[in-house]
C-alpha cells in the first residue's frame, strides 16, 4: 500500500502584489484551446511567457480564462476584453484542453477522487518516483492519463504527478456532483471543524494552538485538501456566490463586523441555520445562529467551495 503517515498542506501561490484592473470572469471560449482556472490571488498576466514580460493585468482566485497555448511552463491566455497575455503554469489549472501548444498539454477529461488517506503523489509512475505530495481521502484531482496501473494527475496548485490506481476512483468530469462524492467530504469537513469547539481565539492564529476567524476556516479546508486564501476578505473571492436562501452545509459565510467597511469575518455554515466560527468576542471556536441576532444583521455574502 503506497501510503505514508503525514499530511499534505498545499500552499497558495501569490504571483504579484496588488490588483490591477478588474477580474476576468467571463472569457469568450470559442477561440480557445482550453479553459484555465486561476489558483492564486493577484496572479500576474504578462506580455511574454517569462518574468521579463511586463504586467498587463492581474487575476484572482478562481477567475476563468481561455487558454491558447503553452510554452516553457507558461500558458498563453485570452482575457474577456480580448487582450492576450501569459500566466505562469503553476497558477493555472487547465481543463478540457485539447492539443494545447501542439500536444504539450494533456486533456483533463476525467476527475479522480482519492479513496485513501495520506496517499502519495509521485514524480514517476512507479514506487521509484519521489513523493511530491500526499492527498487525503475525498480530495479531487484532474486525471491526465494512465500508465501501468498508475494515473497521471494535476493538483489544485498546477503541479502534476502520479497516483497508484488502487487509491483513485476515476469518473468523467461531467459526472461529479455535490450530491454524490462531496456529501462525505462535507461531512468530514464539518466533523473536523466541530472538533475544535472551545479552541482559543488568537489574533493571526492558524493552528490548533489558537485560531482567528479566517485562520480557522483555512485550516479546516486544508484538512480535506482544499486551499483557501488567508484573510476573510480574500476568502470571499473563492468558489462561487451562493445566496442566503440557498446555503448548504460546507458553504463559507462572511460578515462585516465592528463597523468595518470591508469583509472582516468568516465562518463555515453547518446547516440548520447555524455556522461555526472562531469568535474574538467569545474568545474561542463556537457554533452560532445565523438566522437571528448579531450575525444575521452583519451578514454580507456566502461562497460555495465544494460544488
Protein backbone atom coordinates (compact mmCIF):
# COMPACT_ATOMS: atom_id res chain seq x y z
CA UNK A 1 0.00 0.00 0.00
CA UNK A 2 1.65 3.22 -1.20
CA UNK A 3 0.80 5.39 1.78
CA UNK A 4 2.74 7.22 4.48
CA UNK A 5 1.59 8.85 7.68
CA UNK A 6 1.57 12.59 7.24
CA UNK A 7 -0.44 15.36 5.76
CA UNK A 8 -0.03 17.42 2.60
CA UNK A 9 -0.71 21.09 3.13
CA UNK A 10 -0.98 22.94 -0.13
CA UNK A 11 0.31 26.49 -0.22
CA UNK A 12 -1.44 29.26 -2.05
CA UNK A 13 0.90 30.78 -4.60
CA UNK A 14 0.72 34.55 -4.85
CA UNK A 15 2.28 35.91 -8.01
CA UNK A 16 2.33 39.68 -7.68
CA UNK A 17 1.32 42.23 -5.12
CA UNK A 18 -1.73 44.37 -5.86
CA UNK A 19 -4.78 44.09 -8.05
CA UNK A 20 -4.65 45.91 -11.34
CA UNK A 21 -7.94 46.42 -13.18
CA UNK A 22 -10.85 44.03 -12.83
CA UNK A 23 -11.19 40.25 -12.65
CA UNK A 24 -11.91 38.47 -15.92
CA UNK A 25 -14.69 36.02 -15.12
CA UNK A 26 -16.45 35.66 -18.47
CA UNK A 27 -14.00 34.83 -21.25
CA UNK A 28 -15.06 34.07 -24.80
CA UNK A 29 -14.29 30.37 -25.01
CA UNK A 30 -14.98 29.90 -28.70
CA UNK A 31 -11.46 30.62 -29.92
CA UNK A 32 -9.58 28.93 -27.10
CA UNK A 33 -7.97 25.51 -26.94
CA UNK A 34 -8.76 25.07 -23.28
CA UNK A 35 -10.20 26.62 -20.12
CA UNK A 36 -7.97 27.70 -17.24
CA UNK A 37 -8.93 28.48 -13.66
CA UNK A 38 -6.62 30.71 -11.61
CA UNK A 39 -5.28 29.06 -8.43
CA UNK A 40 -3.85 32.12 -6.65
CA UNK A 41 -4.65 35.73 -5.86
CA UNK A 42 -3.15 38.75 -7.69
CA UNK A 43 -1.63 36.48 -10.37
CA UNK A 44 0.28 38.45 -13.00
CA UNK A 45 -0.62 38.32 -16.69
CA UNK A 46 2.47 39.26 -18.70
CA UNK A 47 3.20 40.29 -22.28
CA UNK A 48 5.68 37.41 -22.65
CA UNK A 49 5.99 33.90 -21.29
CA UNK A 50 8.71 34.90 -18.82
CA UNK A 51 9.36 37.19 -15.86
CA UNK A 52 10.81 39.75 -18.27
CA UNK A 53 7.35 40.40 -19.73
CA UNK A 54 5.56 43.48 -18.45
CA UNK A 55 2.39 43.05 -16.36
CA UNK A 56 -0.82 43.91 -18.23
CA UNK A 57 -3.37 42.60 -15.70
CA UNK A 58 -3.74 40.59 -12.51
CA UNK A 59 -6.24 37.82 -11.85
CA UNK A 60 -7.80 36.47 -8.67
CA UNK A 61 -8.55 33.04 -7.26
CA UNK A 62 -10.98 31.01 -9.44
CA UNK A 63 -11.04 33.56 -12.27
CA UNK A 64 -11.51 31.73 -15.58
CA UNK A 65 -9.67 32.41 -18.85
CA UNK A 66 -9.34 30.95 -22.33
CA UNK A 67 -6.08 29.02 -22.84
CA UNK A 68 -4.48 29.46 -26.25
CA UNK A 69 -1.03 27.90 -25.98
CA UNK A 70 1.69 26.58 -23.67
CA UNK A 71 5.43 27.21 -23.82
CA UNK A 72 8.19 26.56 -21.30
CA UNK A 73 5.81 26.25 -18.37
CA UNK A 74 3.76 29.34 -19.24
CA UNK A 75 0.20 29.47 -20.63
CA UNK A 76 -0.88 31.97 -23.26
CA UNK A 77 -4.38 33.14 -22.37
CA UNK A 78 -7.13 35.41 -23.67
CA UNK A 79 -8.94 37.76 -21.30
CA UNK A 80 -12.61 38.70 -21.53
CA UNK A 81 -11.75 42.05 -23.12
CA UNK A 82 -9.86 40.30 -25.94
CA UNK A 83 -6.34 41.04 -24.72
CA UNK A 84 -3.85 38.20 -24.74
CA UNK A 85 -1.05 37.52 -22.31
CA UNK A 86 0.91 34.87 -20.42
CA UNK A 87 0.42 33.29 -16.97
CA UNK A 88 2.95 31.07 -15.22
CA UNK A 89 1.62 27.49 -15.32
CA UNK A 90 1.86 26.92 -11.57
CA UNK A 91 -1.01 29.36 -11.05
CA UNK A 92 -3.43 28.00 -13.66
CA UNK A 93 -5.46 24.77 -13.53
CA UNK A 94 -6.31 23.83 -17.13
CA UNK A 95 -9.33 21.70 -18.01
CA UNK A 96 -10.93 20.43 -21.17
CA UNK A 97 -7.85 21.38 -23.17
CA UNK A 98 -7.24 19.64 -26.46
CA UNK A 99 -3.79 19.73 -28.09
CA UNK A 100 -2.73 22.87 -26.24
CA UNK A 101 0.62 24.06 -27.61
CA UNK A 102 0.68 21.41 -30.31
CA UNK A 103 0.48 18.48 -27.90
CA UNK A 104 2.50 19.84 -24.97
CA UNK A 105 -0.51 19.70 -22.63
CA UNK A 106 -2.76 16.75 -21.94
CA UNK A 107 -6.52 16.74 -21.91
CA UNK A 108 -8.15 16.53 -18.46
CA UNK A 109 -11.39 14.77 -19.39
CA UNK A 110 -11.77 12.90 -16.09
CA UNK A 111 -11.78 13.65 -12.40
CA UNK A 112 -10.23 11.40 -9.77
CA UNK A 113 -11.39 11.07 -6.18
CA UNK A 114 -8.78 9.88 -3.68
CA UNK A 115 -10.00 6.79 -1.81
CA UNK A 116 -7.33 6.55 0.89
CA UNK A 117 -5.66 8.79 3.46
CA UNK A 118 -2.15 10.21 3.05
CA UNK A 119 -1.89 8.78 -0.47
CA UNK A 120 1.44 9.53 -2.15
CA UNK A 121 1.69 11.52 -5.36
CA UNK A 122 4.94 10.55 -7.09
CA UNK A 123 7.10 12.14 -9.76
CA UNK A 124 7.00 8.96 -11.86
CA UNK A 125 4.56 6.11 -12.46
CA UNK A 126 6.19 3.71 -10.00
CA UNK A 127 7.44 3.35 -6.44
CA UNK A 128 10.83 4.63 -7.57
CA UNK A 129 9.36 8.09 -8.15
CA UNK A 130 9.95 10.64 -5.41
CA UNK A 131 6.95 11.75 -3.32
CA UNK A 132 5.87 15.24 -4.37
CA UNK A 133 2.66 15.45 -2.33
CA UNK A 134 0.27 13.47 -0.14
CA UNK A 135 -3.50 13.66 -0.52
CA UNK A 136 -6.34 12.98 1.88
CA UNK A 137 -9.43 10.88 1.27
CA UNK A 138 -12.07 12.51 -0.99
CA UNK A 139 -9.63 15.03 -2.48
CA UNK A 140 -10.49 15.59 -6.16
CA UNK A 141 -7.87 15.95 -8.89
CA UNK A 142 -7.76 16.22 -12.67
CA UNK A 143 -6.80 12.95 -14.37
CA UNK A 144 -4.49 13.42 -17.37
CA UNK A 145 -3.60 9.85 -18.31
CA UNK A 146 -2.90 6.27 -17.23
CA UNK A 147 0.20 4.08 -17.43
CA UNK A 148 0.89 0.63 -15.95
CA UNK A 149 -1.82 0.93 -13.33
CA UNK A 150 -0.86 4.49 -12.32
CA UNK A 151 -2.82 7.68 -13.05
CA UNK A 152 -1.17 10.92 -14.05
CA UNK A 153 -2.94 13.76 -12.25
CA UNK A 154 -2.89 17.52 -11.88
CA UNK A 155 -3.12 19.00 -8.38
CA UNK A 156 -5.07 22.14 -7.48
CA UNK A 157 -1.83 24.16 -7.44
CA UNK A 158 -0.99 23.12 -11.01
CA UNK A 159 1.68 20.51 -10.22
CA UNK A 160 1.48 17.14 -11.93
CA UNK A 161 2.31 13.68 -10.60
CA UNK A 162 1.29 10.03 -10.44
CA UNK A 163 -1.03 8.09 -8.10
CA UNK A 164 -1.35 4.31 -7.92
CA UNK A 165 -4.71 3.38 -9.44
CA UNK A 166 -5.89 1.43 -6.39
CA UNK A 167 -6.26 4.70 -4.47
CA UNK A 168 -8.12 6.75 -7.08
CA UNK A 169 -11.75 6.49 -8.23
CA UNK A 170 -11.87 7.95 -11.73
CA UNK A 171 -15.02 9.36 -13.30
CA UNK A 172 -15.99 11.63 -16.15
CA UNK A 173 -15.66 15.24 -15.08
CA UNK A 174 -19.29 15.81 -16.07
CA UNK A 175 -20.49 13.12 -13.65
CA UNK A 176 -19.14 14.64 -10.43
CA UNK A 177 -21.79 16.36 -8.38
CA UNK A 178 -22.15 17.76 -4.88
CA UNK A 179 -24.80 15.17 -4.04
CA UNK A 180 -22.53 12.26 -4.95
CA UNK A 181 -18.98 12.14 -3.62
CA UNK A 182 -18.90 15.55 -1.96
CA UNK A 183 -21.50 14.64 0.63
CA UNK A 184 -18.97 12.59 2.57
CA UNK A 185 -16.34 15.28 2.05
CA UNK A 186 -18.63 17.92 3.54
CA UNK A 187 -19.47 15.66 6.48
CA UNK A 188 -15.78 15.12 7.11
CA UNK A 189 -15.11 18.86 6.91
CA UNK A 190 -17.86 19.76 9.36
CA UNK A 191 -16.94 17.00 11.81
CA UNK A 192 -13.34 18.20 11.73
CA UNK A 193 -14.41 21.80 12.30
CA UNK A 194 -16.59 20.83 15.27
CA UNK A 195 -13.66 19.03 16.87
CA UNK A 196 -12.13 22.47 17.56
CA UNK A 197 -15.07 23.90 19.51
CA UNK A 198 -13.54 25.58 22.56
CA UNK A 199 -10.13 26.16 20.94
CA UNK A 200 -8.85 29.62 21.93
CA UNK A 201 -9.18 32.61 19.63
CA UNK A 202 -5.75 34.04 18.79
CA UNK A 203 -5.38 37.04 16.51
CA UNK A 204 -3.36 35.92 13.49
CA UNK A 205 -3.61 32.29 14.63
CA UNK A 206 -3.96 29.49 12.10
CA UNK A 207 -3.12 26.34 14.12
CA UNK A 208 -4.92 24.27 16.77
CA UNK A 209 -2.99 26.26 19.39
CA UNK A 210 -5.28 29.15 18.50
CA UNK A 211 -7.23 30.49 15.51
CA UNK A 212 -8.53 33.77 14.26
CA UNK A 213 -11.66 33.54 12.12
CA UNK A 214 -10.10 33.14 8.68
CA UNK A 215 -7.19 31.08 10.02
CA UNK A 216 -9.73 28.59 11.35
CA UNK A 217 -11.60 28.42 8.03
CA UNK A 218 -8.37 27.99 6.07
CA UNK A 219 -7.07 25.26 8.40
CA UNK A 220 -10.30 23.24 8.27
CA UNK A 221 -10.45 23.29 4.48
CA UNK A 222 -6.77 22.39 4.16
CA UNK A 223 -7.50 19.21 6.10
CA UNK A 224 -9.68 17.98 3.22
CA UNK A 225 -7.17 19.06 0.57
CA UNK A 226 -8.71 22.42 -0.38
CA UNK A 227 -6.64 25.60 -0.44
CA UNK A 228 -8.19 28.91 0.57
CA UNK A 229 -6.74 32.42 0.85
CA UNK A 230 -5.68 33.57 4.31
CA UNK A 231 -7.91 36.58 5.07
CA UNK A 232 -11.70 36.74 5.25
CA UNK A 233 -11.85 39.42 2.55
CA UNK A 234 -9.77 37.24 0.20
CA UNK A 235 -11.73 34.10 1.05
CA UNK A 236 -14.86 35.93 -0.10
CA UNK A 237 -13.47 35.79 -3.66
CA UNK A 238 -13.04 31.98 -3.68
CA UNK A 239 -15.51 29.50 -5.10
CA UNK A 240 -18.92 30.61 -6.35
CA UNK A 241 -21.51 33.00 -4.96
CA UNK A 242 -24.48 31.41 -3.21
CA UNK A 243 -27.50 33.26 -1.87
CA UNK A 244 -28.53 33.20 1.77
CA UNK A 245 -31.68 31.22 0.97
CA UNK A 246 -29.65 28.54 -0.83
CA UNK A 247 -26.99 27.94 1.80
CA UNK A 248 -25.84 24.35 2.22
CA UNK A 249 -23.51 22.79 4.79
CA UNK A 250 -19.88 23.50 3.94
CA UNK A 251 -20.54 26.93 2.41
CA UNK A 252 -18.48 29.86 3.64
CA UNK A 253 -20.36 32.78 5.23
CA UNK A 254 -18.98 36.31 5.53
CA UNK A 255 -19.67 39.37 7.65
CA UNK A 256 -18.75 42.99 8.25
CA UNK A 257 -18.41 43.38 12.00
CA UNK A 258 -17.37 46.12 14.42
CA UNK A 259 -18.22 48.85 11.91
CA UNK A 260 -15.82 47.58 9.25
CA UNK A 261 -16.35 48.79 5.67
CA UNK A 262 -14.92 45.55 4.25
CA UNK A 263 -15.50 41.88 4.96
CA UNK A 264 -13.54 41.07 8.11
CA UNK A 265 -15.09 37.87 9.47
CA UNK A 266 -15.71 34.39 8.06
CA UNK A 267 -17.17 31.10 9.18
CA UNK A 268 -18.47 27.77 7.89
CA UNK A 269 -22.18 27.09 7.54
CA UNK A 270 -23.05 23.73 9.14
CA UNK A 271 -26.79 23.58 8.44
CA UNK A 272 -29.96 24.17 10.48
CA UNK A 273 -29.37 27.92 10.49
CA UNK A 274 -26.01 27.65 12.26
CA UNK A 275 -22.36 28.28 11.44
CA UNK A 276 -19.08 27.55 13.17
CA UNK A 277 -16.53 30.29 13.73
CA UNK A 278 -13.55 31.39 15.77
CA UNK A 279 -15.05 34.30 17.69
CA UNK A 280 -12.94 37.15 19.03
CA UNK A 281 -15.85 38.26 21.21
CA UNK A 282 -16.23 34.87 22.87
CA UNK A 283 -12.52 34.13 22.67
CA UNK A 284 -12.91 30.64 21.24
CA UNK A 285 -14.31 28.49 18.46
CA UNK A 286 -18.10 28.36 18.81
CA UNK A 287 -21.27 27.44 16.93
CA UNK A 288 -23.55 30.43 16.41
CA UNK A 289 -27.01 31.08 14.94
CA UNK A 290 -27.03 32.68 11.51
CA UNK A 291 -30.77 33.14 11.21
CA UNK A 292 -31.12 35.66 14.03
CA UNK A 293 -29.25 38.16 16.14
CA UNK A 294 -25.93 39.88 15.56
CA UNK A 295 -24.62 37.73 12.72
CA UNK A 296 -27.83 37.91 10.72
CA UNK A 297 -27.65 41.71 10.93
CA UNK A 298 -23.98 41.78 9.84
CA UNK A 299 -24.15 39.02 7.22
CA UNK A 300 -22.79 40.06 3.79
CA UNK A 301 -22.46 37.09 1.45
CA UNK A 302 -21.62 33.40 1.06
CA UNK A 303 -19.40 31.34 -1.23
CA UNK A 304 -19.60 27.66 -2.23
CA UNK A 305 -16.19 26.00 -2.36
CA UNK A 306 -17.27 22.36 -2.64
CA UNK A 307 -19.51 22.24 -5.70
